[in-house]
N, C-alpha and C. Protein backbone atom coordinates (compact mmCIF):
# COMPACT_ATOMS: atom_id res chain seq x y z
N MET A 1 0.89 -0.77 -0.43
CA MET A 1 0.20 0.05 -0.09
C MET A 1 1.08 1.30 -0.37
N GLN A 2 0.56 1.85 -1.35
CA GLN A 2 1.66 3.18 -1.23
C GLN A 2 0.88 4.55 -1.88
N LYS A 3 1.26 5.53 -1.71
CA LYS A 3 0.12 6.96 -1.62
C LYS A 3 1.02 7.18 -2.90
N THR A 4 -0.01 7.51 -3.66
CA THR A 4 1.08 8.47 -4.70
C THR A 4 1.24 9.78 -4.48
N TYR A 5 2.39 10.32 -5.07
CA TYR A 5 2.70 11.82 -4.47
C TYR A 5 1.89 12.99 -5.75
N ASN A 6 1.18 13.28 -4.25
CA ASN A 6 0.38 14.59 -5.29
C ASN A 6 0.87 15.72 -5.82
N LEU A 7 1.31 16.31 -6.79
CA LEU A 7 1.55 17.02 -7.53
C LEU A 7 0.50 18.60 -7.28
N LYS A 8 -0.62 18.36 -7.20
CA LYS A 8 -0.92 19.87 -6.45
C LYS A 8 -0.30 20.41 -5.36
N LEU A 9 -0.53 19.53 -4.10
CA LEU A 9 -0.15 19.80 -2.86
C LEU A 9 1.16 20.18 -2.97
N LEU A 10 2.28 19.96 -3.82
CA LEU A 10 3.60 20.51 -3.98
C LEU A 10 2.97 21.75 -4.78
N THR A 11 2.71 22.10 -6.16
CA THR A 11 2.34 23.59 -6.07
C THR A 11 2.04 24.30 -5.26
N GLY A 12 1.20 23.76 -4.81
CA GLY A 12 0.10 24.68 -4.11
C GLY A 12 1.02 24.94 -2.38
N GLY A 13 2.11 23.67 -2.10
CA GLY A 13 2.98 24.43 -1.15
C GLY A 13 4.48 25.09 -1.57
N VAL A 14 4.99 25.40 -2.92
CA VAL A 14 5.53 26.19 -3.45
C VAL A 14 4.75 27.61 -3.44
N VAL A 15 3.87 27.68 -3.92
CA VAL A 15 3.05 28.64 -4.33
C VAL A 15 2.81 29.29 -2.24
N LEU A 16 2.46 28.32 -1.43
CA LEU A 16 2.69 29.22 -0.23
C LEU A 16 3.27 30.12 0.36
N ILE A 17 4.64 29.26 -0.02
CA ILE A 17 6.25 29.95 0.35
C ILE A 17 5.76 30.69 -0.32
N LEU A 18 6.43 31.41 -1.37
CA LEU A 18 6.43 32.56 -2.48
C LEU A 18 5.24 33.67 -1.74
N THR A 19 4.06 33.73 -1.70
CA THR A 19 3.24 34.37 -1.00
C THR A 19 3.62 34.79 0.30
N LEU A 20 4.08 33.88 1.20
CA LEU A 20 4.27 33.85 2.53
C LEU A 20 5.45 35.47 2.65
N ILE A 21 6.57 35.20 2.47
CA ILE A 21 7.78 35.25 1.98
C ILE A 21 7.73 37.17 1.37
N ALA A 22 6.67 37.00 0.40
CA ALA A 22 6.34 38.53 -0.28
C ALA A 22 5.33 39.01 0.46
N SER A 23 4.42 38.29 1.62
CA SER A 23 3.91 39.14 2.12
C SER A 23 4.71 39.84 3.67
N PHE A 24 5.61 38.51 4.45
CA PHE A 24 6.39 38.68 5.17
C PHE A 24 6.84 40.32 5.37
N VAL A 25 7.59 40.54 3.94
CA VAL A 25 8.67 41.83 3.62
C VAL A 25 7.82 42.88 3.45
N LEU A 26 7.09 42.53 3.16
CA LEU A 26 5.68 43.79 2.85
C LEU A 26 5.05 44.37 4.12
N GLN A 27 5.03 43.16 5.37
CA GLN A 27 4.12 43.71 6.25
C GLN A 27 5.61 43.78 7.07
N ASN A 28 6.83 43.85 7.05
CA ASN A 28 7.81 43.45 7.98
C ASN A 28 8.23 45.06 7.59
N SER A 29 8.21 45.49 6.49
CA SER A 29 8.35 46.76 5.93
C SER A 29 7.51 48.24 5.93
N PHE A 30 6.03 47.69 6.08
CA PHE A 30 5.13 48.99 6.21
C PHE A 30 4.23 48.93 7.48
N GLU A 31 3.45 47.72 7.54
CA GLU A 31 2.36 47.64 8.69
C GLU A 31 1.82 46.13 8.17
N LYS A 32 1.50 45.93 9.95
CA LYS A 32 1.03 44.34 9.32
C LYS A 32 -0.72 44.66 8.80
N SER A 33 -1.42 43.19 8.18
CA SER A 33 -2.34 43.46 7.30
C SER A 33 -4.09 43.36 8.59
N TYR A 34 -3.47 42.47 9.78
CA TYR A 34 -4.74 42.59 10.84
C TYR A 34 -5.48 41.78 10.52
N LEU A 35 -4.79 41.13 9.38
CA LEU A 35 -6.09 39.93 9.85
C LEU A 35 -5.50 38.45 10.53
N THR A 36 -4.36 38.40 11.17
CA THR A 36 -3.87 37.14 11.76
C THR A 36 -2.77 37.96 12.66
N PHE A 37 -2.87 36.72 13.87
CA PHE A 37 -2.29 37.25 15.02
C PHE A 37 -1.25 37.86 15.33
N ASN A 38 0.23 37.45 14.15
CA ASN A 38 1.05 38.00 14.50
C ASN A 38 1.82 37.02 13.62
N PHE A 39 2.33 38.21 11.83
CA PHE A 39 2.51 37.55 10.79
C PHE A 39 4.79 37.01 10.69
N THR A 40 4.82 37.13 12.23
CA THR A 40 6.29 36.54 11.81
C THR A 40 6.11 34.97 12.27
N LEU A 41 5.38 34.64 13.59
CA LEU A 41 4.43 33.31 13.62
C LEU A 41 3.88 32.69 13.23
N GLU A 42 3.18 33.88 12.28
CA GLU A 42 2.24 33.16 11.02
C GLU A 42 3.53 32.18 9.96
N THR A 43 3.95 33.46 9.86
CA THR A 43 5.36 33.20 8.50
C THR A 43 5.93 31.86 8.98
N PHE A 44 6.61 31.37 10.17
CA PHE A 44 7.38 30.19 10.56
C PHE A 44 6.22 29.21 10.76
N LEU A 45 4.72 29.22 11.06
CA LEU A 45 4.01 27.88 10.69
C LEU A 45 3.83 27.74 9.75
N LEU A 46 3.39 28.73 8.64
CA LEU A 46 2.14 28.12 7.48
C LEU A 46 3.84 27.49 6.81
N MET A 47 4.79 27.86 6.36
CA MET A 47 6.22 27.98 5.85
C MET A 47 6.25 25.85 6.69
N ALA A 48 6.33 25.90 7.38
CA ALA A 48 6.77 25.00 8.06
C ALA A 48 5.57 23.73 7.33
N VAL A 49 4.55 24.11 7.46
CA VAL A 49 3.18 23.37 7.00
C VAL A 49 3.48 22.97 5.28
N ALA A 50 3.91 23.98 5.03
CA ALA A 50 4.19 24.20 3.21
C ALA A 50 5.03 23.05 2.53
N PHE A 51 6.62 23.24 3.31
CA PHE A 51 7.44 21.93 3.39
C PHE A 51 6.61 21.16 3.88
N ILE A 52 6.41 20.31 4.74
CA ILE A 52 5.40 19.03 5.05
C ILE A 52 4.85 18.56 3.70
N LEU A 53 3.85 19.47 3.68
CA LEU A 53 2.89 19.15 2.08
C LEU A 53 4.28 19.20 0.95
N ILE A 54 5.14 19.44 0.72
CA ILE A 54 6.30 19.66 -0.38
C ILE A 54 6.68 18.40 -0.08
N LEU A 55 7.11 17.83 1.33
CA LEU A 55 8.09 16.41 1.23
C LEU A 55 7.05 15.32 1.37
N GLN A 56 5.89 15.32 2.14
CA GLN A 56 5.00 14.40 1.80
C GLN A 56 5.04 12.84 2.67
N PHE A 57 5.38 12.86 3.60
CA PHE A 57 6.34 11.99 4.67
C PHE A 57 5.12 11.35 4.85
N LYS A 58 5.30 10.09 5.51
CA LYS A 58 4.25 9.12 6.35
C LYS A 58 3.77 9.73 7.27
N SER A 59 2.51 9.93 7.51
CA SER A 59 1.34 10.86 7.87
C SER A 59 1.58 12.34 8.24
N TYR A 60 1.92 12.72 6.61
CA TYR A 60 2.36 14.43 6.32
C TYR A 60 0.93 14.76 6.95
N GLY A 61 -0.75 14.57 6.55
CA GLY A 61 -1.16 15.47 6.49
C GLY A 61 -1.80 15.26 8.03
N LYS A 62 -2.07 14.46 8.85
CA LYS A 62 -2.05 15.03 10.44
C LYS A 62 -1.46 15.46 10.66
N THR A 63 0.17 15.41 10.53
CA THR A 63 0.71 16.36 11.67
C THR A 63 0.85 18.03 10.66
N ALA A 64 0.28 18.19 9.36
CA ALA A 64 0.40 19.40 8.67
C ALA A 64 -1.64 20.22 9.31
N SER A 65 -2.41 18.91 9.55
CA SER A 65 -3.78 19.30 10.41
C SER A 65 -3.55 19.47 11.89
N ILE A 66 -2.49 19.47 12.39
CA ILE A 66 -2.16 19.56 13.77
C ILE A 66 -1.52 21.19 13.79
N ILE A 67 -0.86 21.25 13.11
CA ILE A 67 -0.09 22.71 12.99
C ILE A 67 -1.20 24.02 12.72
N LEU A 68 -1.90 23.46 11.88
CA LEU A 68 -3.00 24.27 10.97
C LEU A 68 -3.94 24.33 12.42
N VAL A 69 -4.68 23.39 12.72
CA VAL A 69 -5.37 23.57 14.30
C VAL A 69 -4.78 24.49 15.40
N VAL A 70 -3.64 24.06 15.76
CA VAL A 70 -3.68 25.20 16.09
C VAL A 70 -3.10 26.87 15.74
N TYR A 71 -2.67 26.78 14.36
CA TYR A 71 -2.39 28.00 14.08
C TYR A 71 -3.55 29.18 14.29
N GLY A 72 -5.53 28.11 13.47
CA GLY A 72 -6.30 28.89 13.87
C GLY A 72 -7.31 28.89 15.08
N ALA A 73 -6.37 28.61 15.94
CA ALA A 73 -7.08 28.92 17.34
C ALA A 73 -6.16 30.40 17.75
N PHE A 74 -4.77 30.33 17.70
CA PHE A 74 -4.23 31.50 18.03
C PHE A 74 -5.20 32.49 16.91
N ASN A 75 -5.61 32.78 16.07
CA ASN A 75 -6.35 33.56 14.90
C ASN A 75 -7.41 33.57 16.22
N ILE A 76 -8.25 32.81 16.30
CA ILE A 76 -9.24 32.53 17.40
C ILE A 76 -9.00 33.56 18.26
N LEU A 77 -8.71 33.29 18.91
CA LEU A 77 -7.82 34.33 20.22
C LEU A 77 -7.13 35.61 20.27
N TYR A 78 -6.82 35.99 18.89
CA TYR A 78 -6.35 36.87 18.39
C TYR A 78 -7.59 38.09 18.25
N GLY A 79 -9.04 37.13 17.40
CA GLY A 79 -9.64 37.80 17.36
C GLY A 79 -10.77 38.18 18.25
N ILE A 80 -11.27 37.07 19.20
CA ILE A 80 -10.78 38.11 20.60
C ILE A 80 -10.66 38.63 21.64
N LEU A 81 -9.12 39.08 21.52
CA LEU A 81 -8.48 39.84 22.50
C LEU A 81 -7.89 40.76 21.66
N GLY A 82 -7.91 41.04 20.19
CA GLY A 82 -7.28 42.15 19.48
C GLY A 82 -7.75 42.94 19.33
N SER A 83 -8.98 42.73 19.80
CA SER A 83 -9.93 44.75 19.17
C SER A 83 -9.36 45.44 19.88
N SER A 84 -8.66 45.84 21.36
CA SER A 84 -8.59 46.98 21.36
C SER A 84 -7.40 47.80 20.81
N SER A 85 -6.00 46.79 19.79
CA SER A 85 -5.16 47.16 19.22
C SER A 85 -5.94 47.81 17.80
N LEU A 86 -7.11 47.78 17.85
CA LEU A 86 -7.56 48.23 16.24
C LEU A 86 -8.37 49.52 16.83
N SER A 87 -9.12 49.77 17.86
CA SER A 87 -9.56 51.23 18.67
C SER A 87 -9.43 52.32 17.71
N ASN A 88 -7.81 52.47 18.04
CA ASN A 88 -7.54 53.77 17.02
C ASN A 88 -7.34 53.88 15.39
N LEU A 89 -7.29 52.63 15.07
CA LEU A 89 -7.07 52.46 13.71
C LEU A 89 -8.30 52.57 12.60
N LEU A 90 -9.30 52.17 13.34
CA LEU A 90 -11.10 51.88 12.71
C LEU A 90 -11.35 53.85 12.90
N GLY A 91 -11.53 54.20 14.19
CA GLY A 91 -12.15 55.38 14.54
C GLY A 91 -13.22 55.29 14.72
N SER A 92 -14.24 54.38 14.82
CA SER A 92 -15.29 54.37 15.44
C SER A 92 -15.94 52.71 15.79
N LEU A 93 -17.09 52.81 16.72
CA LEU A 93 -17.16 51.67 17.11
C LEU A 93 -17.71 51.00 15.82
N GLU A 94 -18.65 51.32 15.11
CA GLU A 94 -19.34 50.38 14.32
C GLU A 94 -18.44 49.93 13.40
N LEU A 95 -17.25 50.17 12.78
CA LEU A 95 -16.74 49.46 11.91
C LEU A 95 -15.40 48.76 12.72
N GLU A 96 -15.21 48.84 14.36
CA GLU A 96 -14.58 47.53 14.66
C GLU A 96 -15.28 46.98 14.86
N VAL A 97 -16.65 47.70 15.24
CA VAL A 97 -17.26 45.94 15.21
C VAL A 97 -17.34 44.71 14.56
N LEU A 98 -17.42 45.49 12.87
CA LEU A 98 -18.48 44.95 12.13
C LEU A 98 -16.45 43.55 11.33
N PHE A 99 -15.73 45.13 11.43
CA PHE A 99 -13.88 43.99 11.35
C PHE A 99 -14.17 43.11 12.73
N ILE A 100 -14.15 43.36 13.84
CA ILE A 100 -14.34 41.81 14.66
C ILE A 100 -15.24 40.81 14.33
N LEU A 101 -16.48 40.96 14.01
CA LEU A 101 -17.48 39.83 13.52
C LEU A 101 -16.93 39.83 12.72
N GLY A 102 -16.26 40.19 11.20
CA GLY A 102 -15.94 39.79 10.20
C GLY A 102 -14.75 38.25 10.82
N LEU A 103 -13.54 38.80 11.39
CA LEU A 103 -12.47 38.55 11.59
C LEU A 103 -12.74 37.37 12.66
N LEU A 104 -13.60 36.99 13.39
CA LEU A 104 -14.15 35.81 14.17
C LEU A 104 -14.55 34.73 13.33
N LEU A 105 -15.74 35.71 12.33
CA LEU A 105 -16.36 34.45 11.88
C LEU A 105 -15.09 33.94 11.10
N GLY A 106 -14.88 34.81 10.30
CA GLY A 106 -13.65 33.58 9.56
C GLY A 106 -12.55 32.75 9.91
N HIS A 107 -12.37 33.52 11.18
CA HIS A 107 -11.58 32.37 11.22
C HIS A 107 -12.03 31.17 12.25
N VAL A 108 -12.63 30.97 12.43
CA VAL A 108 -14.06 30.03 13.42
C VAL A 108 -14.45 29.09 12.05
N LEU A 109 -14.64 29.80 11.32
CA LEU A 109 -14.61 28.54 9.68
C LEU A 109 -13.45 28.14 9.24
N PHE A 110 -12.25 28.60 9.44
CA PHE A 110 -10.85 27.97 8.89
C PHE A 110 -10.75 27.08 10.69
N GLU A 111 -11.06 27.81 11.59
CA GLU A 111 -11.11 25.75 12.49
C GLU A 111 -11.94 25.01 11.97
N ILE A 112 -13.23 25.06 11.53
CA ILE A 112 -13.39 24.00 11.69
C ILE A 112 -13.45 23.39 10.53
N ALA A 113 -12.61 24.25 9.81
CA ALA A 113 -12.64 23.16 8.42
C ALA A 113 -11.30 22.58 8.12
N VAL A 114 -9.86 22.94 9.25
CA VAL A 114 -9.02 22.20 9.31
C VAL A 114 -9.80 20.90 10.22
N LEU A 115 -10.73 21.15 11.69
CA LEU A 115 -11.18 20.20 12.54
C LEU A 115 -11.69 19.01 11.24
N PHE A 116 -12.08 19.08 10.23
CA PHE A 116 -12.58 18.02 9.68
C PHE A 116 -11.32 17.48 8.39
N VAL A 117 -10.43 18.39 7.88
CA VAL A 117 -9.61 17.69 7.33
C VAL A 117 -9.01 17.20 8.74
N LEU A 118 -8.89 17.42 9.90
CA LEU A 118 -7.53 16.35 10.52
C LEU A 118 -8.73 15.23 10.88
N LEU A 119 -9.81 15.14 11.07
CA LEU A 119 -10.72 14.14 11.53
C LEU A 119 -11.01 13.13 10.02
N HIS A 120 -10.32 13.52 9.05
CA HIS A 120 -10.73 13.00 7.42
C HIS A 120 -8.92 11.86 7.57
N VAL A 121 -7.85 12.99 7.70
CA VAL A 121 -6.85 11.95 8.11
C VAL A 121 -6.76 11.49 8.68
N THR A 122 -7.36 11.34 10.54
CA THR A 122 -6.57 10.49 11.45
C THR A 122 -7.95 9.52 11.05
N GLN A 123 -8.98 9.34 11.43
CA GLN A 123 -10.49 8.74 11.60
C GLN A 123 -11.01 9.09 10.60
N PRO A 124 -11.33 8.88 9.47
CA PRO A 124 -12.41 9.20 8.74
C PRO A 124 -13.99 8.76 9.05
N ARG A 125 -14.76 9.73 9.07
CA ARG A 125 -16.10 10.07 9.63
C ARG A 125 -17.41 10.09 8.66
N PHE A 126 -16.94 10.39 7.70
CA PHE A 126 -17.61 11.00 6.35
C PHE A 126 -16.78 10.47 5.30
N ASP A 127 -18.00 10.60 4.53
CA ASP A 127 -17.60 9.99 2.91
C ASP A 127 -16.85 11.08 2.07
N MET A 128 -16.08 10.94 1.27
CA MET A 128 -14.62 12.00 1.19
C MET A 128 -15.06 12.94 0.79
N LYS A 129 -16.29 12.95 -0.18
CA LYS A 129 -17.39 13.87 -1.34
C LYS A 129 -17.66 14.87 -0.55
N PHE A 130 -18.46 14.71 0.68
CA PHE A 130 -18.90 15.16 1.71
C PHE A 130 -18.54 16.36 2.49
N THR A 131 -17.17 15.44 2.87
CA THR A 131 -16.10 16.22 3.48
C THR A 131 -15.54 17.19 2.40
N ARG A 132 -14.97 16.85 1.67
CA ARG A 132 -14.43 17.84 0.69
C ARG A 132 -15.68 19.15 0.52
N ARG A 133 -17.05 18.77 -0.02
CA ARG A 133 -17.65 19.88 -0.03
C ARG A 133 -17.61 20.21 1.16
N PHE A 134 -17.61 20.11 2.62
CA PHE A 134 -17.60 20.93 3.48
C PHE A 134 -16.68 21.83 3.88
N VAL A 135 -15.45 21.38 3.86
CA VAL A 135 -14.65 22.01 3.83
C VAL A 135 -14.47 23.02 2.59
N ILE A 136 -14.36 22.78 1.44
CA ILE A 136 -14.55 23.99 0.42
C ILE A 136 -15.46 24.92 0.70
N GLY A 137 -16.96 25.05 0.97
CA GLY A 137 -18.28 25.53 1.76
C GLY A 137 -17.11 26.52 2.96
N ALA A 138 -16.88 25.27 3.81
CA ALA A 138 -16.12 26.50 4.88
C ALA A 138 -15.30 27.95 4.68
N LEU A 139 -14.04 27.08 3.95
CA LEU A 139 -12.85 27.74 3.66
C LEU A 139 -13.73 29.30 2.76
N THR A 140 -15.10 29.25 1.62
CA THR A 140 -15.04 29.75 0.72
C THR A 140 -15.46 30.96 1.58
N ALA A 141 -16.37 30.79 2.51
CA ALA A 141 -17.44 31.26 3.56
C ALA A 141 -16.16 32.68 4.39
N SER A 142 -15.40 31.76 4.64
CA SER A 142 -14.11 32.16 5.18
C SER A 142 -13.33 32.84 4.64
N LEU A 143 -13.03 32.90 3.31
CA LEU A 143 -11.52 34.21 2.60
C LEU A 143 -12.92 34.78 2.28
N ILE A 144 -14.19 35.15 2.01
CA ILE A 144 -15.17 35.97 1.67
C ILE A 144 -15.20 37.17 2.53
N LEU A 145 -15.34 36.21 4.15
CA LEU A 145 -15.46 37.14 4.86
C LEU A 145 -14.13 37.89 5.26
N LEU A 146 -13.01 37.15 5.41
CA LEU A 146 -11.44 38.20 5.64
C LEU A 146 -11.41 39.25 4.71
N ILE A 147 -12.01 38.77 2.98
CA ILE A 147 -11.76 39.78 1.95
C ILE A 147 -12.52 40.77 1.88
N ALA A 148 -13.58 40.33 2.35
CA ALA A 148 -14.65 41.74 3.26
C ALA A 148 -14.24 42.42 4.04
N ILE A 149 -13.66 42.66 5.06
CA ILE A 149 -12.73 43.25 6.31
C ILE A 149 -11.57 43.91 5.85
N SER A 150 -10.82 43.79 4.98
CA SER A 150 -9.81 43.90 4.12
C SER A 150 -9.37 45.38 4.02
N PRO A 151 -10.55 45.95 3.21
CA PRO A 151 -10.87 47.16 3.02
C PRO A 151 -10.69 48.34 4.22
N LEU A 152 -11.25 47.62 5.14
CA LEU A 152 -11.77 48.82 6.86
C LEU A 152 -10.19 48.86 7.67
N VAL A 153 -9.12 48.10 6.59
CA VAL A 153 -7.44 48.53 7.40
C VAL A 153 -6.33 48.78 6.51
N THR A 154 -7.03 48.63 5.29
CA THR A 154 -6.00 49.46 3.57
C THR A 154 -6.12 50.85 3.48
N TYR A 155 -5.31 51.57 3.90
CA TYR A 155 -5.16 52.61 3.88
C TYR A 155 -4.83 52.71 1.63
N THR A 156 -4.52 53.75 1.74
CA THR A 156 -4.92 54.29 -0.29
C THR A 156 -3.94 53.99 -1.11
N THR A 157 -2.85 53.88 -0.08
CA THR A 157 -1.52 53.42 -0.29
C THR A 157 -1.02 52.86 -1.21
N LEU A 158 0.29 52.46 -2.04
CA LEU A 158 0.47 51.26 -3.44
C LEU A 158 1.03 50.97 -2.30
N PRO A 159 1.88 50.67 -1.27
CA PRO A 159 2.53 50.32 -0.09
C PRO A 159 1.10 48.83 0.61
N SER A 160 0.62 49.81 1.30
CA SER A 160 -0.74 49.37 2.17
C SER A 160 -1.61 48.75 1.46
N VAL A 161 -2.11 48.50 -0.08
CA VAL A 161 -3.05 48.17 -0.69
C VAL A 161 -2.19 46.76 -1.15
N LEU A 162 -0.45 46.61 -1.41
CA LEU A 162 0.15 45.69 -1.83
C LEU A 162 0.36 44.62 -0.83
N ARG A 163 0.41 45.36 0.62
CA ARG A 163 1.12 43.95 1.37
C ARG A 163 -0.68 43.56 1.73
N MET A 164 -1.94 44.01 1.61
CA MET A 164 -3.05 43.18 1.96
C MET A 164 -3.51 42.14 1.00
N VAL A 165 -3.04 42.74 -0.33
CA VAL A 165 -3.48 41.67 -1.10
C VAL A 165 -1.93 40.55 -1.50
N CYS A 166 -1.34 41.03 -1.13
CA CYS A 166 0.01 39.42 -0.22
C CYS A 166 -0.68 38.47 0.84
N ALA A 167 -1.34 39.15 1.60
CA ALA A 167 -2.16 38.81 2.43
C ALA A 167 -2.67 37.62 1.76
N ILE A 168 -3.56 38.17 1.34
CA ILE A 168 -4.80 37.56 1.01
C ILE A 168 -4.47 36.38 -0.10
N LEU A 169 -3.01 36.73 -0.72
CA LEU A 169 -3.11 35.60 -1.60
C LEU A 169 -2.14 34.78 -0.89
N SER A 170 -2.04 35.04 0.11
CA SER A 170 -0.89 33.53 0.79
C SER A 170 -2.11 32.76 1.49
N ILE A 171 -3.36 33.63 1.40
CA ILE A 171 -4.93 32.74 2.30
C ILE A 171 -4.88 32.30 1.53
N VAL A 172 -4.91 32.78 0.23
CA VAL A 172 -5.53 31.67 -1.01
C VAL A 172 -5.51 30.72 -0.91
N ALA A 173 -3.90 30.42 -1.01
CA ALA A 173 -2.46 29.55 -1.51
C ALA A 173 -3.09 28.20 -0.51
N LEU A 174 -3.15 28.57 1.23
CA LEU A 174 -3.09 28.04 2.23
C LEU A 174 -4.38 27.24 1.90
N TYR A 175 -5.60 28.08 1.64
CA TYR A 175 -6.90 27.31 1.41
C TYR A 175 -7.05 26.27 0.50
N PHE A 176 -6.21 26.73 -0.52
CA PHE A 176 -6.16 25.94 -1.93
C PHE A 176 -5.58 24.33 -1.42
N CYS A 177 -3.80 24.12 -0.49
CA CYS A 177 -3.08 23.44 -0.31
C CYS A 177 -4.59 22.44 1.06
N ILE A 178 -4.92 22.98 1.92
CA ILE A 178 -6.32 22.60 2.90
C ILE A 178 -6.74 21.75 1.57
N VAL A 179 -7.39 22.26 1.27
CA VAL A 179 -8.84 20.97 0.31
C VAL A 179 -7.76 20.35 -0.51
N GLN A 180 -6.15 20.19 -0.79
CA GLN A 180 -5.70 19.17 -1.34
C GLN A 180 -5.59 17.76 -1.21
N MET A 181 -5.32 18.51 0.95
CA MET A 181 -5.08 17.53 1.29
C MET A 181 -6.14 16.32 2.23
N ILE A 182 -7.07 16.64 1.21
CA ILE A 182 -8.77 16.02 1.30
C ILE A 182 -8.22 14.85 0.56
N GLU A 183 -7.90 13.46 0.25
CA GLU A 183 -7.60 12.44 -0.79
C GLU A 183 -8.66 11.47 -0.09
N GLU A 184 -8.99 10.50 -1.10
CA GLU A 184 -9.48 9.56 -0.84
C GLU A 184 -8.29 8.36 -0.14
N ALA A 185 -8.61 8.01 0.78
CA ALA A 185 -7.69 6.38 1.18
C ALA A 185 -7.02 5.56 0.77
N PRO A 186 -5.76 5.52 0.57
CA PRO A 186 -5.39 4.22 -0.41
C PRO A 186 -6.10 3.15 -0.11
N VAL A 187 -7.09 2.53 -0.83
CA VAL A 187 -6.99 0.72 -1.28
C VAL A 187 -5.91 -0.38 -1.03
N GLU A 188 -6.11 -0.92 0.16
CA GLU A 188 -4.84 -1.95 0.13
C GLU A 188 -5.08 -3.03 -0.40
N GLU A 189 -4.04 -3.49 -1.11
CA GLU A 189 -4.18 -5.03 -2.17
C GLU A 189 -4.32 -6.01 -2.23
N ASN A 190 -4.65 -6.75 -2.30
CA ASN A 190 -4.93 -8.05 -1.66
C ASN A 190 -3.50 -8.98 -2.30
N LYS A 191 -2.76 -9.47 -1.65
CA LYS A 191 -1.75 -9.69 -2.07
C LYS A 191 -1.57 -10.75 -2.76
N PRO A 192 -1.96 -11.00 -4.19
CA PRO A 192 -2.31 -12.30 -4.69
C PRO A 192 -1.12 -13.72 -3.76
N VAL A 193 -1.63 -14.73 -3.92
CA VAL A 193 -1.35 -16.35 -3.24
C VAL A 193 -0.30 -17.00 -4.47
N ASN A 194 0.97 -17.15 -3.50
CA ASN A 194 1.72 -17.27 -3.93
C ASN A 194 1.77 -18.78 -4.61
N GLN A 195 1.21 -19.22 -5.86
CA GLN A 195 0.77 -20.25 -6.03
C GLN A 195 1.38 -21.41 -6.74
N THR A 196 2.98 -20.79 -6.60
CA THR A 196 4.49 -21.89 -6.36
C THR A 196 4.29 -22.35 -5.15
N SER A 197 4.21 -21.92 -4.10
CA SER A 197 4.40 -22.61 -2.50
C SER A 197 3.33 -23.60 -2.80
N LYS A 198 2.02 -23.11 -3.25
CA LYS A 198 1.15 -23.80 -3.08
C LYS A 198 1.20 -25.69 -3.09
N LYS A 199 1.08 -25.52 -4.33
CA LYS A 199 1.77 -26.19 -5.56
C LYS A 199 3.22 -26.78 -4.73
N GLN A 200 3.75 -26.95 -4.39
CA GLN A 200 4.86 -27.37 -3.38
C GLN A 200 4.17 -28.17 -2.35
N GLU A 201 3.41 -27.66 -1.86
CA GLU A 201 2.63 -28.19 -0.22
C GLU A 201 1.90 -29.57 -0.75
N GLU A 202 1.02 -29.54 -1.92
CA GLU A 202 0.70 -30.34 -2.33
C GLU A 202 1.04 -31.10 -2.88
N LEU A 203 2.47 -31.51 -3.83
CA LEU A 203 3.13 -32.19 -4.12
C LEU A 203 3.85 -32.58 -2.83
N LYS A 204 4.09 -31.84 -1.91
CA LYS A 204 5.07 -32.40 -1.02
C LYS A 204 3.81 -33.56 0.31
N LYS A 205 2.79 -33.68 0.12
CA LYS A 205 1.40 -34.08 0.14
C LYS A 205 1.43 -35.58 -0.22
N LEU A 206 1.49 -35.48 -1.22
CA LEU A 206 1.75 -36.44 -2.42
C LEU A 206 2.34 -37.67 -2.43
N TYR A 207 3.92 -36.64 -1.70
CA TYR A 207 4.56 -37.69 -1.80
C TYR A 207 5.39 -37.62 -0.48
N ASP A 208 4.52 -37.67 0.40
CA ASP A 208 4.51 -38.58 1.62
C ASP A 208 3.15 -39.40 2.11
N ARG A 209 1.98 -39.53 1.32
CA ARG A 209 1.07 -40.41 1.04
C ARG A 209 1.45 -41.86 0.28
N GLY A 210 2.78 -41.18 -0.27
CA GLY A 210 3.77 -42.81 -1.31
C GLY A 210 2.44 -42.45 -2.65
N LEU A 211 2.28 -41.54 -3.12
CA LEU A 211 1.57 -41.32 -3.95
C LEU A 211 1.97 -41.46 -5.58
N ILE A 212 2.80 -40.73 -4.72
CA ILE A 212 3.92 -40.58 -6.54
C ILE A 212 5.59 -40.41 -5.92
N THR A 213 6.75 -41.16 -6.85
CA THR A 213 7.42 -41.43 -6.31
C THR A 213 8.82 -40.24 -5.68
N GLN A 214 9.88 -40.45 -5.48
CA GLN A 214 11.31 -39.30 -5.46
C GLN A 214 11.44 -38.58 -6.03
N SER A 215 11.68 -39.68 -7.53
CA SER A 215 12.21 -39.35 -9.06
C SER A 215 10.92 -37.84 -9.37
N GLU A 216 9.59 -38.41 -9.03
CA GLU A 216 8.59 -37.84 -9.98
C GLU A 216 8.22 -36.21 -9.03
N TYR A 217 8.94 -36.32 -7.23
CA TYR A 217 8.34 -35.33 -6.86
C TYR A 217 9.31 -34.39 -6.99
N GLU A 218 10.77 -34.86 -7.19
CA GLU A 218 11.43 -33.73 -7.80
C GLU A 218 11.34 -33.62 -9.10
N GLN A 219 10.99 -34.36 -9.41
CA GLN A 219 10.40 -33.71 -11.00
C GLN A 219 9.60 -32.54 -11.15
N ARG A 220 8.86 -32.39 -10.68
CA ARG A 220 7.67 -31.70 -10.55
C ARG A 220 8.08 -30.34 -10.01
N ILE A 221 8.84 -30.44 -8.96
CA ILE A 221 9.21 -29.77 -8.63
C ILE A 221 10.76 -28.89 -9.11
N SER A 222 11.00 -29.36 -10.18
CA SER A 222 12.09 -28.02 -10.58
C SER A 222 10.89 -27.53 -11.56
N ASP A 223 10.55 -28.44 -12.33
CA ASP A 223 9.27 -27.87 -13.55
C ASP A 223 8.58 -26.76 -12.81
N LEU A 224 8.15 -26.86 -11.50
CA LEU A 224 7.39 -25.66 -10.95
C LEU A 224 8.23 -24.48 -10.95
């Protein structure tokens, strides 16, 4: 039983690394995107996931899913506790409420999606098609929410727009990789019965019963 190497995960992993690097450089040079808890730690965790998906070692899906569950939990915590840092940035309570609401809903949907993926790669409880559709639906809704609130924390300057575009692209690449992690479990092939060994056993029984001579036994063994 051997898994086929997933080229889509390879492509997604490479794109994720490139977009993460671009997003990190822009956020480090100008200002953070405010969509995730900490862009430095985020880059470290997601690049680890990207390399895991590129290598695709045994149980890579479980390892990557656990990291993503932890990453999603940090983002939910950021959505709950990070509102104080946005008061001065957004300028009004209404915009702050909208941003936090969209942020929390987006990250909660992400967390639900990666929990389903973790369940699928460890102890599948649902059909692959259902899991895939559910995860795609949850991640699509999460992406729409994060894109919708991104203009609230984006200035009309080129660097600000570029950092947000790169941040969104890295999220898209991550979501693509998560969907590609949902694979059909490899079917264990039935090992063919060793016909030669079976025939040798039958000949041995015939010889032991005296039904064939030693020369006949040796001749038939050599013919197998």
